[in-house]
C-alpha atoms as a PDB file:
ATOM      1  CA  UNK A   1     -37.202  -4.159 224.474  1.00  0.00           C
ATOM      2  CA  UNK A   2     -35.831  -1.557 222.900  1.00  0.00           C
ATOM      3  CA  UNK A   3     -38.547   0.088 220.217  1.00  0.00           C
ATOM      4  CA  UNK A   4     -38.193   0.237 216.280  1.00  0.00           C
ATOM      5  CA  UNK A   5     -38.907   3.677 216.149  1.00  0.00           C
ATOM      6  CA  UNK A   6     -35.746   5.780 215.293  1.00  0.00           C
ATOM      7  CA  UNK A   7     -35.697   9.466 214.543  1.00  0.00           C
ATOM      8  CA  UNK A   8     -35.387  10.324 210.612  1.00  0.00           C
ATOM      9  CA  UNK A   9     -31.775  11.676 209.717  1.00  0.00           C
ATOM     10  CA  UNK A  10     -31.023  15.028 211.527  1.00  0.00           C
ATOM     11  CA  UNK A  11     -27.960  17.095 212.075  1.00  0.00           C
ATOM     12  CA  UNK A  12     -25.581  16.195 214.460  1.00  0.00           C
ATOM     13  CA  UNK A  13     -25.342  17.345 218.122  1.00  0.00           C
ATOM     14  CA  UNK A  14     -21.973  19.458 217.043  1.00  0.00           C
ATOM     15  CA  UNK A  15     -24.077  20.655 213.976  1.00  0.00           C
ATOM     16  CA  UNK A  16     -26.912  21.745 216.145  1.00  0.00           C
ATOM     17  CA  UNK A  17     -24.497  23.910 218.379  1.00  0.00           C
ATOM     18  CA  UNK A  18     -22.907  25.291 215.258  1.00  0.00           C
ATOM     19  CA  UNK A  19     -26.058  25.947 213.579  1.00  0.00           C
ATOM     20  CA  UNK A  20     -27.890  27.940 216.329  1.00  0.00           C
ATOM     21  CA  UNK A  21     -24.459  29.256 217.536  1.00  0.00           C
ATOM     22  CA  UNK A  22     -24.872  27.789 220.997  1.00  0.00           C
ATOM     23  CA  UNK A  23     -22.120  28.003 223.582  1.00  0.00           C
ATOM     24  CA  UNK A  24     -22.141  26.346 227.048  1.00  0.00           C
ATOM     25  CA  UNK A  25     -22.490  29.131 229.432  1.00  0.00           C
ATOM     26  CA  UNK A  26     -19.979  28.750 232.436  1.00  0.00           C
ATOM     27  CA  UNK A  27     -21.973  30.581 235.089  1.00  0.00           C
ATOM     28  CA  UNK A  28     -25.027  28.175 234.348  1.00  0.00           C
ATOM     29  CA  UNK A  29     -22.598  25.277 234.778  1.00  0.00           C
ATOM     30  CA  UNK A  30     -23.519  24.254 231.284  1.00  0.00           C
ATOM     31  CA  UNK A  31     -21.672  21.125 229.792  1.00  0.00           C
ATOM     32  CA  UNK A  32     -22.794  19.797 226.841  1.00  0.00           C
ATOM     33  CA  UNK A  33     -22.446  15.422 226.483  1.00  0.00           C
ATOM     34  CA  UNK A  34     -21.964  15.111 222.551  1.00  0.00           C
ATOM     35  CA  UNK A  35     -21.303  11.300 222.655  1.00  0.00           C
ATOM     36  CA  UNK A  36     -24.390   9.650 221.574  1.00  0.00           C
ATOM     37  CA  UNK A  37     -23.067   6.306 222.718  1.00  0.00           C
ATOM     38  CA  UNK A  38     -23.019   7.755 226.481  1.00  0.00           C
ATOM     39  CA  UNK A  39     -26.249   9.343 225.888  1.00  0.00           C
ATOM     40  CA  UNK A  40     -27.735   6.118 224.955  1.00  0.00           C
ATOM     41  CA  UNK A  41     -26.215   4.442 228.135  1.00  0.00           C
ATOM     42  CA  UNK A  42     -27.625   7.055 230.255  1.00  0.00           C
ATOM     43  CA  UNK A  43     -31.064   6.240 228.969  1.00  0.00           C
ATOM     44  CA  UNK A  44     -30.754   2.810 229.226  1.00  0.00           C
ATOM     45  CA  UNK A  45     -29.895   2.770 232.878  1.00  0.00           C
ATOM     46  CA  UNK A  46     -33.259   4.807 233.308  1.00  0.00           C
ATOM     47  CA  UNK A  47     -35.168   1.045 232.424  1.00  0.00           C
ATOM     48  CA  UNK A  48     -37.512   0.336 229.846  1.00  0.00           C
ATOM     49  CA  UNK A  49     -38.933   3.592 228.414  1.00  0.00           C
ATOM     50  CA  UNK A  50     -41.288   1.898 226.161  1.00  0.00           C
ATOM     51  CA  UNK A  51     -44.536   4.028 225.756  1.00  0.00           C
ATOM     52  CA  UNK A  52     -43.017   5.877 228.684  1.00  0.00           C
ATOM     53  CA  UNK A  53     -43.856   9.658 230.043  1.00  0.00           C
ATOM     54  CA  UNK A  54     -40.712  11.057 230.570  1.00  0.00           C
ATOM     55  CA  UNK A  55     -39.420  14.898 231.924  1.00  0.00           C
ATOM     56  CA  UNK A  56     -35.931  15.371 230.525  1.00  0.00           C
ATOM     57  CA  UNK A  57     -34.452  18.336 233.124  1.00  0.00           C
ATOM     58  CA  UNK A  58     -32.241  20.796 231.062  1.00  0.00           C
ATOM     59  CA  UNK A  59     -32.227  18.891 227.369  1.00  0.00           C
ATOM     60  CA  UNK A  60     -29.760  22.023 226.380  1.00  0.00           C
ATOM     61  CA  UNK A  61     -28.940  21.021 222.626  1.00  0.00           C
ATOM     62  CA  UNK A  62     -30.662  17.739 222.639  1.00  0.00           C
ATOM     63  CA  UNK A  63     -28.268  14.896 223.237  1.00  0.00           C
ATOM     64  CA  UNK A  64     -30.129  12.690 225.556  1.00  0.00           C
ATOM     65  CA  UNK A  65     -33.153  13.627 223.873  1.00  0.00           C
ATOM     66  CA  UNK A  66     -32.484  12.145 221.101  1.00  0.00           C
ATOM     67  CA  UNK A  67     -31.677   8.814 223.077  1.00  0.00           C
ATOM     68  CA  UNK A  68     -35.253   9.077 224.986  1.00  0.00           C
ATOM     69  CA  UNK A  69     -36.915   9.407 221.721  1.00  0.00           C
ATOM     70  CA  UNK A  70     -35.456   6.623 220.197  1.00  0.00           C
ATOM     71  CA  UNK A  71     -36.039   4.516 223.352  1.00  0.00           C
ATOM     72  CA  UNK A  72     -39.802   4.587 222.628  1.00  0.00           C
ATOM     73  CA  UNK A  73     -41.191   7.089 224.877  1.00  0.00           C
ATOM     74  CA  UNK A  74     -44.794   7.981 224.395  1.00  0.00           C
ATOM     75  CA  UNK A  75     -44.114  11.546 225.511  1.00  0.00           C
ATOM     76  CA  UNK A  76     -41.165  13.615 226.243  1.00  0.00           C
ATOM     77  CA  UNK A  77     -41.782  16.750 228.300  1.00  0.00           C
ATOM     78  CA  UNK A  78     -38.390  18.955 228.252  1.00  0.00           C
ATOM     79  CA  UNK A  79     -37.801  21.553 230.585  1.00  0.00           C
ATOM     80  CA  UNK A  80     -35.215  24.161 229.417  1.00  0.00           C
ATOM     81  CA  UNK A  81     -34.624  27.722 231.000  1.00  0.00           C
ATOM     82  CA  UNK A  82     -32.440  28.736 228.482  1.00  0.00           C
ATOM     83  CA  UNK A  83     -34.010  30.206 225.136  1.00  0.00           C
ATOM     84  CA  UNK A  84     -31.143  29.634 223.232  1.00  0.00           C
ATOM     85  CA  UNK A  85     -31.759  25.863 223.250  1.00  0.00           C
ATOM     86  CA  UNK A  86     -35.423  26.262 221.919  1.00  0.00           C
ATOM     87  CA  UNK A  87     -34.973  26.175 218.381  1.00  0.00           C
ATOM     88  CA  UNK A  88     -33.257  22.926 218.314  1.00  0.00           C
ATOM     89  CA  UNK A  89     -35.697  21.040 220.454  1.00  0.00           C
ATOM     90  CA  UNK A  90     -38.593  22.492 218.294  1.00  0.00           C
ATOM     91  CA  UNK A  91     -36.405  20.666 215.600  1.00  0.00           C
ATOM     92  CA  UNK A  92     -36.734  17.371 217.501  1.00  0.00           C
ATOM     93  CA  UNK A  93     -40.143  17.760 217.926  1.00  0.00           C
ATOM     94  CA  UNK A  94     -41.208  18.104 214.543  1.00  0.00           C
ATOM     95  CA  UNK A  95     -38.944  15.144 213.656  1.00  0.00           C
ATOM     96  CA  UNK A  96     -40.534  12.812 216.249  1.00  0.00           C
ATOM     97  CA  UNK A  97     -44.042  13.871 215.009  1.00  0.00           C
ATOM     98  CA  UNK A  98     -44.939  15.954 218.178  1.00  0.00           C
ATOM     99  CA  UNK A  99     -44.000  13.845 220.943  1.00  0.00           C
ATOM    100  CA  UNK A 100     -41.604  16.548 222.569  1.00  0.00           C
ATOM    101  CA  UNK A 101     -43.407  19.113 225.055  1.00  0.00           C
ATOM    102  CA  UNK A 102     -41.455  22.047 225.457  1.00  0.00           C
ATOM    103  CA  UNK A 103     -41.921  24.184 228.398  1.00  0.00           C
ATOM    104  CA  UNK A 104     -39.499  27.111 228.781  1.00  0.00           C
ATOM    105  CA  UNK A 105     -39.058  27.614 232.505  1.00  0.00           C
ATOM    106  CA  UNK A 106     -37.060  26.717 235.599  1.00  0.00           C
ATOM    107  CA  UNK A 107     -37.234  23.086 236.875  1.00  0.00           C
ATOM    108  CA  UNK A 108     -36.761  24.553 240.474  1.00  0.00           C
ATOM    109  CA  UNK A 109     -39.921  26.123 240.143  1.00  0.00           C
ATOM    110  CA  UNK A 110     -41.999  24.336 237.792  1.00  0.00           C
ATOM    111  CA  UNK A 111     -45.121  22.166 238.976  1.00  0.00           C
ATOM    112  CA  UNK A 112     -44.206  18.751 238.086  1.00  0.00           C
ATOM    113  CA  UNK A 113     -47.610  17.640 239.687  1.00  0.00           C
ATOM    114  CA  UNK A 114     -49.562  18.792 236.717  1.00  0.00           C
ATOM    115  CA  UNK A 115     -46.689  17.701 234.245  1.00  0.00           C
ATOM    116  CA  UNK A 116     -48.606  14.352 232.956  1.00  0.00           C
ATOM    117  CA  UNK A 117     -52.160  13.151 232.543  1.00  0.00           C
ATOM    118  CA  UNK A 118     -53.735  11.701 236.082  1.00  0.00           C
ATOM    119  CA  UNK A 119     -54.521   8.291 234.432  1.00  0.00           C
ATOM    120  CA  UNK A 120     -51.043   7.377 235.165  1.00  0.00           C
ATOM    121  CA  UNK A 121     -51.037   7.653 238.837  1.00  0.00           C
ATOM    122  CA  UNK A 122     -50.478   4.487 240.840  1.00  0.00           C
ATOM    123  CA  UNK A 123     -50.801   3.714 244.532  1.00  0.00           C
ATOM    124  CA  UNK A 124     -47.646   4.438 246.195  1.00  0.00           C
ATOM    125  CA  UNK A 125     -47.472   0.391 246.828  1.00  0.00           C
ATOM    126  CA  UNK A 126     -48.112  -0.658 243.293  1.00  0.00           C
ATOM    127  CA  UNK A 127     -45.400  -1.037 240.953  1.00  0.00           C
ATOM    128  CA  UNK A 128     -43.839   2.308 239.977  1.00  0.00           C
ATOM    129  CA  UNK A 129     -45.539   4.346 237.263  1.00  0.00           C
ATOM    130  CA  UNK A 130     -44.571   4.673 233.605  1.00  0.00           C
ATOM    131  CA  UNK A 131     -43.198   7.978 234.375  1.00  0.00           C
ATOM    132  CA  UNK A 132     -39.342   8.899 234.552  1.00  0.00           C
ATOM    133  CA  UNK A 133     -37.362  11.698 235.456  1.00  0.00           C
ATOM    134  CA  UNK A 134     -34.250  12.067 233.394  1.00  0.00           C
ATOM    135  CA  UNK A 135     -31.649  14.794 232.935  1.00  0.00           C
ATOM    136  CA  UNK A 136     -27.827  15.824 232.641  1.00  0.00           C
ATOM    137  CA  UNK A 137     -28.008  18.492 235.255  1.00  0.00           C
ATOM    138  CA  UNK A 138     -26.127  21.966 235.746  1.00  0.00           C
ATOM    139  CA  UNK A 139     -23.603  21.394 238.721  1.00  0.00           C
ATOM    140  CA  UNK A 140     -25.274  24.687 240.185  1.00  0.00           C
ATOM    141  CA  UNK A 141     -28.620  23.186 240.943  1.00  0.00           C
ATOM    142  CA  UNK A 142     -28.016  19.781 241.164  1.00  0.00           C
ATOM    143  CA  UNK A 143     -27.926  19.539 245.107  1.00  0.00           C
ATOM    144  CA  UNK A 144     -30.870  21.717 245.637  1.00  0.00           C
ATOM    145  CA  UNK A 145     -32.649  20.370 243.119  1.00  0.00           C
ATOM    146  CA  UNK A 146     -32.436  16.317 244.559  1.00  0.00           C
ATOM    147  CA  UNK A 147     -33.134  17.951 247.573  1.00  0.00           C
ATOM    148  CA  UNK A 148     -36.264  19.178 246.759  1.00  0.00           C
ATOM    149  CA  UNK A 149     -37.070  16.210 244.866  1.00  0.00           C
ATOM    150  CA  UNK A 150     -36.242  13.947 248.042  1.00  0.00           C
ATOM    151  CA  UNK A 151     -38.952  16.284 250.309  1.00  0.00           C
ATOM    152  CA  UNK A 152     -41.593  15.760 247.405  1.00  0.00           C
ATOM    153  CA  UNK A 153     -41.045  12.055 247.613  1.00  0.00           C
ATOM    154  CA  UNK A 154     -41.562  12.183 251.289  1.00  0.00           C
ATOM    155  CA  UNK A 155     -44.633  14.113 250.950  1.00  0.00           C
ATOM    156  CA  UNK A 156     -45.817  12.464 248.089  1.00  0.00           C
ATOM    157  CA  UNK A 157     -46.078  15.703 245.973  1.00  0.00           C
ATOM    158  CA  UNK A 158     -44.511  17.003 243.015  1.00  0.00           C
ATOM    159  CA  UNK A 159     -43.406  14.536 240.364  1.00  0.00           C
ATOM    160  CA  UNK A 160     -44.396  11.589 243.076  1.00  0.00           C
ATOM    161  CA  UNK A 161     -48.134  12.119 242.848  1.00  0.00           C
ATOM    162  CA  UNK A 162     -47.830   9.711 239.880  1.00  0.00           C
ATOM    163  CA  UNK A 163     -46.060   7.372 242.425  1.00  0.00           C
ATOM    164  CA  UNK A 164     -43.275   5.834 243.119  1.00  0.00           C
ATOM    165  CA  UNK A 165     -41.573   8.114 239.857  1.00  0.00           C
ATOM    166  CA  UNK A 166     -37.922   6.911 239.343  1.00  0.00           C
ATOM    167  CA  UNK A 167     -35.167   9.109 238.693  1.00  0.00           C
ATOM    168  CA  UNK A 168     -31.699   8.963 236.554  1.00  0.00           C
ATOM    169  CA  UNK A 169     -29.538  11.946 236.930  1.00  0.00           C
ATOM    170  CA  UNK A 170     -26.187  13.168 236.518  1.00  0.00           C
ATOM    171  CA  UNK A 171     -24.202  14.797 239.260  1.00  0.00           C
ATOM    172  CA  UNK A 172     -20.464  16.027 240.047  1.00  0.00           C
ATOM    173  CA  UNK A 173     -18.639  12.481 240.835  1.00  0.00           C
ATOM    174  CA  UNK A 174     -18.072  13.346 244.755  1.00  0.00           C
ATOM    175  CA  UNK A 175     -21.846  14.372 244.779  1.00  0.00           C
ATOM    176  CA  UNK A 176     -22.706  10.929 243.261  1.00  0.00           C
ATOM    177  CA  UNK A 177     -20.105   9.077 245.717  1.00  0.00           C
ATOM    178  CA  UNK A 178     -21.907  10.804 248.549  1.00  0.00           C
ATOM    179  CA  UNK A 179     -25.656  10.071 247.447  1.00  0.00           C
ATOM    180  CA  UNK A 180     -24.771   6.290 247.021  1.00  0.00           C
ATOM    181  CA  UNK A 181     -21.816   6.192 249.906  1.00  0.00           C
ATOM    182  CA  UNK A 182     -22.625   2.971 252.384  1.00  0.00           C
ATOM    183  CA  UNK A 183     -22.511   3.450 256.159  1.00  0.00           C
ATOM    184  CA  UNK A 184     -18.848   2.547 256.707  1.00  0.00           C
ATOM    185  CA  UNK A 185     -17.823   5.091 253.927  1.00  0.00           C
ATOM    186  CA  UNK A 186     -15.860   7.922 254.597  1.00  0.00           C
ATOM    187  CA  UNK A 187     -18.107   9.464 251.888  1.00  0.00           C
ATOM    188  CA  UNK A 188     -21.118   8.980 254.367  1.00  0.00           C
ATOM    189  CA  UNK A 189     -22.830  12.312 254.483  1.00  0.00           C
ATOM    190  CA  UNK A 190     -25.882  14.436 255.114  1.00  0.00           C
ATOM    191  CA  UNK A 191     -26.971  13.648 251.170  1.00  0.00           C
ATOM    192  CA  UNK A 192     -26.214   9.905 251.579  1.00  0.00           C
ATOM    193  CA  UNK A 193     -28.648   9.739 254.790  1.00  0.00           C
ATOM    194  CA  UNK A 194     -31.470  12.000 252.939  1.00  0.00           C
ATOM    195  CA  UNK A 195     -31.630  10.335 249.585  1.00  0.00           C
ATOM    196  CA  UNK A 196     -31.102   6.588 251.359  1.00  0.00           C
ATOM    197  CA  UNK A 197     -33.780   6.627 253.792  1.00  0.00           C
ATOM    198  CA  UNK A 198     -36.501   7.222 250.974  1.00  0.00           C
ATOM    199  CA  UNK A 199     -34.771   5.317 248.157  1.00  0.00           C
ATOM    200  CA  UNK A 200     -32.938   2.451 246.355  1.00  0.00           C
ATOM    201  CA  UNK A 201     -29.983   4.811 245.112  1.00  0.00           C
ATOM    202  CA  UNK A 202     -27.595   3.053 242.411  1.00  0.00           C
ATOM    203  CA  UNK A 203     -24.568   5.246 241.275  1.00  0.00           C
ATOM    204  CA  UNK A 204     -24.652   3.395 237.632  1.00  0.00           C
ATOM    205  CA  UNK A 205     -21.133   4.366 236.083  1.00  0.00           C
ATOM    206  CA  UNK A 206     -18.799   7.230 235.509  1.00  0.00           C
ATOM    207  CA  UNK A 207     -18.602   9.852 232.645  1.00  0.00           C
ATOM    208  CA  UNK A 208     -14.851  11.549 232.341  1.00  0.00           C
ATOM    209  CA  UNK A 209     -14.734  15.301 232.187  1.00  0.00           C
ATOM    210  CA  UNK A 210     -13.450  14.941 228.854  1.00  0.00           C
ATOM    211  CA  UNK A 211     -16.651  13.660 227.467  1.00  0.00           C
ATOM    212  CA  UNK A 212     -18.200  16.946 227.878  1.00  0.00           C
ATOM    213  CA  UNK A 213     -17.644  20.368 226.111  1.00  0.00           C
ATOM    214  CA  UNK A 214     -16.431  22.268 228.025  1.00  0.00           C
ATOM    215  CA  UNK A 215     -14.406  19.603 229.842  1.00  0.00           C
ATOM    216  CA  UNK A 216     -15.528  20.205 233.403  1.00  0.00           C
ATOM    217  CA  UNK A 217     -12.967  19.902 236.135  1.00  0.00           C
ATOM    218  CA  UNK A 218     -14.612  16.639 237.446  1.00  0.00           C
ATOM    219  CA  UNK A 219     -15.961  13.728 236.043  1.00  0.00           C
ATOM    220  CA  UNK A 220     -19.564  12.852 236.257  1.00  0.00           C
ATOM    221  CA  UNK A 221     -21.804   9.978 237.909  1.00  0.00           C
ATOM    222  CA  UNK A 222     -24.964   8.695 236.488  1.00  0.00           C
ATOM    223  CA  UNK A 223     -27.288   7.800 239.670  1.00  0.00           C
ATOM    224  CA  UNK A 224     -30.508   5.724 239.358  1.00  0.00           C
ATOM    225  CA  UNK A 225     -33.293   6.542 242.384  1.00  0.00           C
ATOM    226  CA  UNK A 226     -35.867   4.132 242.853  1.00  0.00           C
ATOM    227  CA  UNK A 227     -38.232   5.507 245.598  1.00  0.00           C
ATOM    228  CA  UNK A 228     -38.970   2.730 248.643  1.00  0.00           C
ATOM    229  CA  UNK A 229     -42.440   1.737 249.345  1.00  0.00           C
ATOM    230  CA  UNK A 230     -41.747   2.334 253.148  1.00  0.00           C
ATOM    231  CA  UNK A 231     -39.196   5.068 254.216  1.00  0.00           C
ATOM    232  CA  UNK A 232     -36.456   3.725 256.103  1.00  0.00           C
ATOM    233  CA  UNK A 233     -36.936   6.504 258.776  1.00  0.00           C
ATOM    234  CA  UNK A 234     -40.689   6.759 259.696  1.00  0.00           C
ATOM    235  CA  UNK A 235     -40.784  10.593 260.777  1.00  0.00           C
ATOM    236  CA  UNK A 236     -41.420  14.000 258.610  1.00  0.00           C
ATOM    237  CA  UNK A 237     -38.895  15.062 256.324  1.00  0.00           C
ATOM    238  CA  UNK A 238     -37.848  18.255 257.965  1.00  0.00           C
ATOM    239  CA  UNK A 239     -37.142  16.785 261.257  1.00  0.00           C
ATOM    240  CA  UNK A 240     -35.066  14.399 259.420  1.00  0.00           C
ATOM    241  CA  UNK A 241     -33.209  16.751 257.831  1.00  0.00           C
ATOM    242  CA  UNK A 242     -32.652  18.864 260.749  1.00  0.00           C
ATOM    243  CA  UNK A 243     -31.142  16.068 262.906  1.00  0.00           C
ATOM    244  CA  UNK A 244     -28.894  14.906 260.045  1.00  0.00           C
ATOM    245  CA  UNK A 245     -27.804  18.686 259.180  1.00  0.00           C
ATOM    246  CA  UNK A 246     -26.631  19.168 262.733  1.00  0.00           C
ATOM    247  CA  UNK A 247     -25.068  15.543 262.967  1.00  0.00           C
ATOM    248  CA  UNK A 248     -22.875  16.541 260.085  1.00  0.00           C
ATOM    249  CA  UNK A 249     -21.933  20.275 260.799  1.00  0.00           C
ATOM    250  CA  UNK A 250     -19.166  18.944 262.965  1.00  0.00           C
ATOM    251  CA  UNK A 251     -16.209  16.907 262.426  1.00  0.00           C
ATOM    252  CA  UNK A 252     -16.890  12.984 261.864  1.00  0.00           C
ATOM    253  CA  UNK A 253     -15.161  12.213 265.068  1.00  0.00           C
ATOM    254  CA  UNK A 254     -17.309  15.058 266.937  1.00  0.00           C
ATOM    255  CA  UNK A 255     -20.369  14.650 265.444  1.00  0.00           C
ATOM    256  CA  UNK A 256     -22.417  13.591 268.736  1.00  0.00           C
ATOM    257  CA  UNK A 257     -21.886  17.515 269.810  1.00  0.00           C
ATOM    258  CA  UNK A 258     -24.517  17.946 266.481  1.00  0.00           C
ATOM    259  CA  UNK A 259     -27.319  16.109 268.422  1.00  0.00           C
ATOM    260  CA  UNK A 260     -26.502  17.846 271.651  1.00  0.00           C
ATOM    261  CA  UNK A 261     -27.335  21.249 270.450  1.00  0.00           C
ATOM    262  CA  UNK A 262     -30.658  20.372 268.334  1.00  0.00           C
ATOM    263  CA  UNK A 263     -33.274  22.760 269.269  1.00  0.00           C
ATOM    264  CA  UNK A 264     -36.679  20.596 269.678  1.00  0.00           C
END
């Protein structure tokens, strides 16, 4: 059930971009999503956020941020590396009466295990905690970031000290296809196995590149991750990763060669 709380009237995302003279930086793989119907749709795919504690990665000008606040989240932590976006995020914090906690930092190094109150922790075998990660990820960090989070999931560290924290993230369409590819698919890859042995992974929907500013050369996929209680491979993450990396370093019909050269 959606909350009755709505943000007060605010400048549009386009007006925020103009007001603070914001521009997407190509070298940072930044692409703004300005369509609020799409940002609302991304947030709905995260599930019920009523009274949830949410971490948004790379909020930028704040389109998804607004959708999260309107969904009834109790607290929204935003981790933003680019200082240019901080004034607009402070505006959202004021409009939401202090619900937004702004961290100026790099999500690749930020200590997610200290992000939220400890009372939110649940046992791994319990239902997932009311903690969520949501983000329109820059293309240049999306793959290393999901691998980092998958390792932390396996070790129950980082954002997974709270339990089976769910994630709803955007990726280049090709990466989204690899993450969700079934065993019979030609898209099956290292990413497919690393994600699916630890999570239920769902490709929720695709967003055409034209919906972003500037328009990327590829479409974007929204992917939802729900950690499994029991992983499908009962081995340490580093070992699974080593085997899978070796298997997929050769063309598909020669993948058996990857197994033969693994140094145990």
